[in-house]
N, C-alpha and C. Protein backbone atom coordinates (compact mmCIF):
# COMPACT_ATOMS: atom_id res chain seq x y z
N MET A 1 47.93 67.76 -43.83
CA MET A 1 47.25 66.43 -42.95
C MET A 1 48.48 65.52 -44.11
N GLU A 2 49.03 65.24 -45.36
CA GLU A 2 49.19 64.53 -46.11
C GLU A 2 50.61 64.76 -45.76
N ALA A 3 51.23 65.95 -45.53
CA ALA A 3 52.95 65.75 -44.97
C ALA A 3 52.94 65.54 -44.42
N PHE A 4 51.69 65.47 -43.04
CA PHE A 4 52.21 64.89 -41.83
C PHE A 4 52.35 63.53 -41.78
N LYS A 5 51.49 63.29 -42.69
CA LYS A 5 51.34 61.60 -42.49
C LYS A 5 52.65 61.12 -43.30
N THR A 6 53.01 61.75 -44.07
CA THR A 6 54.38 61.76 -44.98
C THR A 6 55.39 61.29 -44.08
N LEU A 7 55.48 62.37 -42.77
CA LEU A 7 56.04 62.39 -41.95
C LEU A 7 56.47 60.98 -40.83
N ILE A 8 55.48 60.84 -40.14
CA ILE A 8 54.98 60.05 -39.80
C ILE A 8 55.66 58.30 -40.58
N TRP A 9 55.39 58.39 -41.68
CA TRP A 9 55.99 56.82 -42.42
C TRP A 9 57.26 56.91 -42.39
N LEU A 10 58.57 58.58 -43.17
CA LEU A 10 59.34 58.32 -42.66
C LEU A 10 60.24 58.02 -41.65
N VAL A 11 59.56 58.06 -40.52
CA VAL A 11 60.25 57.96 -39.42
C VAL A 11 59.72 56.59 -38.77
N ASN A 12 58.71 56.11 -39.77
CA ASN A 12 58.40 54.50 -39.31
C ASN A 12 59.13 53.63 -39.79
N ILE A 13 59.83 54.44 -41.09
CA ILE A 13 60.52 53.11 -42.11
C ILE A 13 61.72 53.11 -41.42
N PHE A 14 62.39 54.62 -41.12
CA PHE A 14 63.80 54.46 -40.85
C PHE A 14 63.99 53.81 -39.26
N SER A 15 63.07 54.02 -37.96
CA SER A 15 62.88 53.63 -37.19
C SER A 15 63.16 51.76 -36.91
N ALA A 16 62.19 51.58 -37.99
CA ALA A 16 62.20 49.88 -38.65
C ALA A 16 63.50 49.37 -39.20
N ILE A 17 63.83 50.34 -39.81
CA ILE A 17 65.37 50.05 -40.40
C ILE A 17 66.18 50.08 -39.22
N ALA A 18 66.16 50.98 -38.24
CA ALA A 18 67.26 50.90 -36.91
C ALA A 18 66.56 49.86 -36.52
N VAL A 19 65.90 49.25 -35.67
CA VAL A 19 65.54 48.07 -35.27
C VAL A 19 66.11 46.51 -35.47
N ILE A 20 66.08 46.50 -37.26
CA ILE A 20 67.06 45.50 -37.56
C ILE A 20 68.11 45.49 -37.41
N PHE A 21 68.60 47.07 -37.51
CA PHE A 21 70.02 47.21 -38.17
C PHE A 21 70.76 46.83 -36.25
N LEU A 22 70.21 47.47 -35.44
CA LEU A 22 70.57 46.94 -33.53
C LEU A 22 70.21 45.66 -33.33
N VAL A 23 69.67 44.92 -33.97
CA VAL A 23 69.18 43.89 -33.36
C VAL A 23 69.99 42.87 -34.29
N LEU A 24 70.21 42.94 -34.99
CA LEU A 24 71.64 42.33 -36.18
C LEU A 24 73.26 42.12 -35.52
N MET A 25 73.18 43.61 -34.79
CA MET A 25 74.56 43.87 -34.29
C MET A 25 74.96 43.18 -33.28
N GLN A 26 73.64 43.13 -32.32
CA GLN A 26 74.09 42.43 -30.78
C GLN A 26 74.45 41.10 -30.87
N HIS A 27 75.51 40.52 -30.08
CA HIS A 27 75.71 39.93 -29.96
C HIS A 27 74.52 38.61 -29.40
N GLY A 28 74.99 36.73 -30.10
CA GLY A 28 73.70 36.12 -28.66
C GLY A 28 74.22 35.52 -27.99
N LYS A 29 74.04 34.51 -27.25
CA LYS A 29 74.66 34.46 -26.06
C LYS A 29 75.51 33.52 -26.35
N GLY A 30 76.51 32.89 -26.94
CA GLY A 30 77.29 32.11 -27.56
C GLY A 30 78.53 33.28 -27.37
N ALA A 31 78.33 34.16 -27.94
CA ALA A 31 79.42 34.99 -28.61
C ALA A 31 80.38 35.33 -27.67
N ASP A 32 80.14 35.73 -25.62
CA ASP A 32 80.70 35.83 -25.15
C ASP A 32 81.64 34.72 -24.90
N ALA A 33 81.30 33.60 -24.89
CA ALA A 33 83.04 32.57 -24.75
C ALA A 33 83.50 33.14 -25.48
N GLY A 34 83.20 33.04 -26.83
CA GLY A 34 84.10 33.27 -28.23
C GLY A 34 84.98 34.32 -28.09
N ALA A 35 84.69 35.44 -27.14
CA ALA A 35 85.33 36.84 -26.75
C ALA A 35 86.62 36.48 -25.69
N ALA A 36 86.36 35.12 -24.64
CA ALA A 36 87.01 34.96 -23.65
C ALA A 36 88.44 34.42 -24.12
N PHE A 37 88.01 33.18 -25.75
CA PHE A 37 89.44 33.42 -26.11
C PHE A 37 90.44 33.77 -27.36
N GLY A 38 90.00 35.22 -27.71
CA GLY A 38 90.65 35.98 -28.15
C GLY A 38 90.24 36.12 -28.98
N THR A 39 89.12 36.13 -29.51
CA THR A 39 88.24 36.44 -30.53
C THR A 39 87.93 37.87 -31.00
N GLY A 40 87.90 38.63 -30.18
CA GLY A 40 87.56 40.24 -30.27
C GLY A 40 86.87 40.78 -28.60
N SER A 41 86.93 41.98 -28.70
CA SER A 41 86.00 42.19 -27.28
C SER A 41 85.75 43.33 -27.99
N ALA A 42 84.23 44.31 -27.33
CA ALA A 42 83.66 45.10 -27.49
C ALA A 42 83.77 46.41 -26.68
N GLN A 43 84.93 46.01 -25.89
CA GLN A 43 85.24 47.32 -25.09
C GLN A 43 85.82 48.28 -24.94
N GLY A 44 86.65 48.30 -25.63
CA GLY A 44 87.23 49.36 -26.68
C GLY A 44 86.45 50.35 -27.19
N VAL A 45 85.61 49.99 -27.53
CA VAL A 45 84.57 50.67 -29.21
C VAL A 45 83.15 51.27 -28.10
N PHE A 46 83.01 50.40 -26.79
CA PHE A 46 81.50 50.72 -26.58
C PHE A 46 82.01 50.59 -24.93
N GLY A 47 83.53 51.07 -24.75
CA GLY A 47 82.89 51.43 -23.31
C GLY A 47 83.65 49.79 -22.50
N ALA A 48 83.52 49.88 -21.35
CA ALA A 48 84.22 49.16 -19.94
C ALA A 48 82.97 48.27 -19.91
N SER A 49 81.68 48.51 -20.56
CA SER A 49 80.29 47.74 -20.34
C SER A 49 79.98 46.54 -20.98
N GLY A 50 81.08 46.99 -22.72
CA GLY A 50 80.77 46.43 -24.15
C GLY A 50 79.50 47.05 -24.43
N SER A 51 79.50 46.62 -25.63
CA SER A 51 77.95 46.71 -26.20
C SER A 51 76.61 46.87 -26.23
N ALA A 52 76.49 45.77 -24.47
CA ALA A 52 75.28 45.16 -24.75
C ALA A 52 74.35 46.59 -23.89
N ASN A 53 74.94 46.93 -23.17
CA ASN A 53 73.94 49.00 -23.07
C ASN A 53 74.01 49.21 -23.61
N PHE A 54 74.80 49.68 -24.66
CA PHE A 54 74.36 50.73 -25.84
C PHE A 54 73.73 50.07 -26.45
N LEU A 55 73.64 48.97 -27.24
CA LEU A 55 73.16 48.21 -28.40
C LEU A 55 71.61 47.48 -27.57
N SER A 56 71.88 47.40 -26.34
CA SER A 56 70.27 47.22 -26.23
C SER A 56 69.42 48.68 -25.78
N ARG A 57 69.63 49.77 -25.55
CA ARG A 57 69.04 50.75 -24.71
C ARG A 57 68.66 51.28 -26.07
N SER A 58 69.52 51.23 -27.34
CA SER A 58 69.17 51.72 -28.75
C SER A 58 68.23 50.76 -29.31
N THR A 59 68.24 49.78 -29.26
CA THR A 59 67.02 49.27 -29.85
C THR A 59 65.92 49.41 -28.79
N ALA A 60 66.10 49.40 -27.82
CA ALA A 60 64.08 49.86 -27.06
C ALA A 60 64.42 50.67 -27.18
N ILE A 61 65.17 51.73 -27.41
CA ILE A 61 64.44 52.93 -28.17
C ILE A 61 63.91 53.40 -29.57
N ALA A 62 64.40 52.66 -30.06
CA ALA A 62 63.88 52.32 -31.79
C ALA A 62 62.62 51.87 -31.65
N ALA A 63 62.49 50.64 -30.86
CA ALA A 63 61.38 50.04 -31.16
C ALA A 63 59.99 50.63 -30.18
N VAL A 64 60.78 51.66 -29.61
CA VAL A 64 59.66 52.33 -28.98
C VAL A 64 59.41 53.27 -29.83
N VAL A 65 59.98 53.99 -30.54
CA VAL A 65 59.68 55.07 -31.79
C VAL A 65 58.55 54.46 -32.87
N PHE A 66 59.14 53.28 -32.92
CA PHE A 66 58.61 52.52 -34.01
C PHE A 66 56.65 52.11 -33.96
N PHE A 67 57.26 51.75 -32.66
CA PHE A 67 55.39 51.04 -32.00
C PHE A 67 54.59 52.42 -31.73
N CYS A 68 55.33 53.51 -32.09
CA CYS A 68 54.42 55.51 -31.53
C CYS A 68 54.28 55.86 -33.01
N THR A 69 54.88 55.61 -33.98
CA THR A 69 54.74 55.95 -34.93
C THR A 69 53.96 54.99 -35.95
N CYS A 70 53.81 53.35 -35.60
CA CYS A 70 52.75 52.81 -36.28
C CYS A 70 51.47 52.98 -35.52
N LEU A 71 51.60 53.66 -34.00
CA LEU A 71 50.03 53.70 -33.76
C LEU A 71 49.25 55.04 -34.44
N ALA A 72 50.32 55.75 -34.28
CA ALA A 72 49.95 56.88 -35.15
C ALA A 72 49.48 56.93 -36.42
N LEU A 73 50.03 56.35 -37.06
CA LEU A 73 49.38 55.73 -38.60
C LEU A 73 47.98 55.26 -38.57
N ALA A 74 47.92 54.29 -37.64
CA ALA A 74 46.62 53.22 -37.49
C ALA A 74 45.75 54.64 -37.00
N TYR A 75 45.71 55.99 -36.06
CA TYR A 75 44.77 56.09 -35.43
C TYR A 75 44.62 57.80 -36.82
N VAL A 76 45.49 58.37 -37.58
CA VAL A 76 45.29 58.89 -38.47
C VAL A 76 44.63 58.32 -39.77
N HIS A 77 44.67 57.06 -40.41
CA HIS A 77 43.97 56.36 -40.66
C HIS A 77 42.64 55.83 -40.38
N ALA A 78 42.31 56.14 -39.55
CA ALA A 78 40.83 55.55 -38.76
C ALA A 78 40.49 57.17 -38.59
N ASN A 79 41.15 58.27 -38.69
CA ASN A 79 40.01 59.44 -38.61
C ASN A 79 40.12 60.46 -39.82
N LYS A 80 40.75 59.36 -40.68
CA LYS A 80 40.63 61.11 -41.86
C LYS A 80 39.60 61.23 -42.40
N ASN A 81 40.03 62.33 -42.83
CA ASN A 81 38.78 63.40 -43.49
C ASN A 81 38.06 63.04 -44.42
N THR A 82 36.95 62.29 -44.60
CA THR A 82 36.63 61.65 -46.28
C THR A 82 36.29 62.83 -46.94
N GLY A 83 36.85 64.10 -46.89
CA GLY A 83 36.43 65.28 -48.19
C GLY A 83 34.68 65.82 -47.67
N GLY A 84 34.77 65.91 -47.16
CA GLY A 84 33.22 66.18 -46.85
C GLY A 84 32.01 65.14 -47.07
N LEU A 85 32.28 64.09 -47.18
CA LEU A 85 30.98 63.10 -47.37
C LEU A 85 30.97 62.37 -46.18
N ASP A 86 29.80 61.95 -45.86
CA ASP A 86 29.93 61.20 -44.07
C ASP A 86 29.00 59.83 -44.67
N PHE A 87 30.11 59.00 -44.79
CA PHE A 87 29.63 57.55 -44.94
C PHE A 87 28.62 56.25 -44.68
N ASN A 88 28.97 57.37 -42.69
CA ASN A 88 28.03 56.71 -41.97
C ASN A 88 26.89 56.71 -41.78
N THR A 89 25.94 57.91 -42.55
CA THR A 89 24.54 58.11 -42.35
C THR A 89 24.03 57.34 -42.91
N ALA A 90 22.67 57.63 -42.72
CA ALA A 90 21.24 57.15 -43.89
C ALA A 90 21.37 57.59 -44.65
N PRO A 91 20.94 57.21 -45.43
CA PRO A 91 20.77 57.27 -47.13
C PRO A 91 20.21 58.37 -47.22
N ALA A 92 19.95 59.47 -47.96
CA ALA A 92 18.61 60.22 -48.85
C ALA A 92 17.67 59.56 -49.01
N GLN A 93 16.30 59.82 -48.96
CA GLN A 93 14.96 59.16 -49.34
C GLN A 93 15.15 60.05 -50.61
N THR A 94 14.66 59.20 -51.41
CA THR A 94 14.63 59.35 -52.73
C THR A 94 13.05 58.91 -53.62
N ALA A 95 12.94 59.85 -54.29
CA ALA A 95 11.39 59.49 -55.26
C ALA A 95 11.66 58.17 -55.90
N PRO A 96 10.39 56.88 -56.04
CA PRO A 96 10.58 55.95 -56.11
C PRO A 96 10.57 56.22 -57.76
N ALA A 97 11.43 55.12 -58.29
CA ALA A 97 11.34 55.16 -59.55
C ALA A 97 10.49 54.78 -60.76
N THR A 98 9.63 55.47 -61.84
CA THR A 98 8.80 54.61 -62.78
C THR A 98 9.49 53.55 -63.62
N PRO A 99 8.61 52.50 -63.41
CA PRO A 99 8.78 51.47 -63.91
C PRO A 99 9.18 51.68 -65.58
N PRO A 100 10.21 50.58 -66.29
CA PRO A 100 10.51 50.73 -67.76
C PRO A 100 8.95 50.23 -68.25
N ALA A 101 8.78 51.00 -69.50
CA ALA A 101 7.31 51.22 -70.42
C ALA A 101 7.52 49.54 -70.81
N THR A 102 6.80 48.68 -71.18
CA THR A 102 6.21 47.30 -71.60
C THR A 102 6.88 47.45 -73.26
N PRO A 103 6.77 46.58 -74.13
CA PRO A 103 6.50 46.62 -75.62
C PRO A 103 5.24 47.20 -75.80
N ALA A 104 4.29 46.88 -74.92
CA ALA A 104 3.21 47.05 -75.13
C ALA A 104 2.54 48.34 -75.27
N GLN A 105 3.43 49.13 -74.23
CA GLN A 105 2.99 50.25 -73.72
C GLN A 105 3.19 51.45 -75.32
N GLN A 106 5.34 50.69 -75.69
CA GLN A 106 5.51 51.39 -76.35
C GLN A 106 4.61 51.86 -77.71
N GLY A 107 4.17 50.72 -78.32
CA GLY A 107 2.82 51.28 -79.70
C GLY A 107 3.91 49.91 -80.56
N GLY A 108 4.81 49.77 -80.55
CA GLY A 108 5.98 49.04 -81.81
C GLY A 108 5.72 50.41 -82.60
N GLY A 109 6.63 51.02 -82.52
CA GLY A 109 7.24 52.84 -82.97
C GLY A 109 5.98 53.67 -83.16
N GLN A 110 5.20 53.40 -83.09
CA GLN A 110 4.15 54.41 -83.13
C GLN A 110 3.89 55.28 -82.06
N PRO A 111 3.60 56.34 -82.14
CA PRO A 111 3.86 57.41 -80.79
C PRO A 111 2.43 57.12 -80.16
N VAL A 112 3.10 56.88 -78.49
CA VAL A 112 2.22 56.59 -77.47
C VAL A 112 1.18 57.44 -76.93
N ILE A 113 0.22 57.94 -77.08
CA ILE A 113 -0.78 59.10 -76.48
C ILE A 113 -0.72 58.21 -74.65
N PRO A 114 -0.60 59.65 -73.79
CA PRO A 114 -1.27 58.89 -72.45
C PRO A 114 -3.07 59.17 -72.55
N GLU A 115 -3.17 58.62 -71.42
CA GLU A 115 -4.56 59.09 -71.32
C GLU A 115 -4.97 59.75 -70.40
């Protein structure tokens, strides 16, 4: 079970890093105006449609993987094995404890003889 949780954690971390990286790679709304004036174009690398389709689809896939792993971790944590102890049951009935002896009952160093 621990290996499964570790695998989910690793996929979660890598998908979070992928989402961050892919969001930072995308152009903002004003970036297309700069490309028209010769500052660069993404058509050569990502095809005729530019980087918008590739990066937005990749971001969506990484986000879905991230949310699924988050839900899986929440499910595993909520249903974890408690090692055989069930903390949701009522406590077992125990015998009442005997009250502690008072100094008068202790006899001041003398042995107390029960009656």
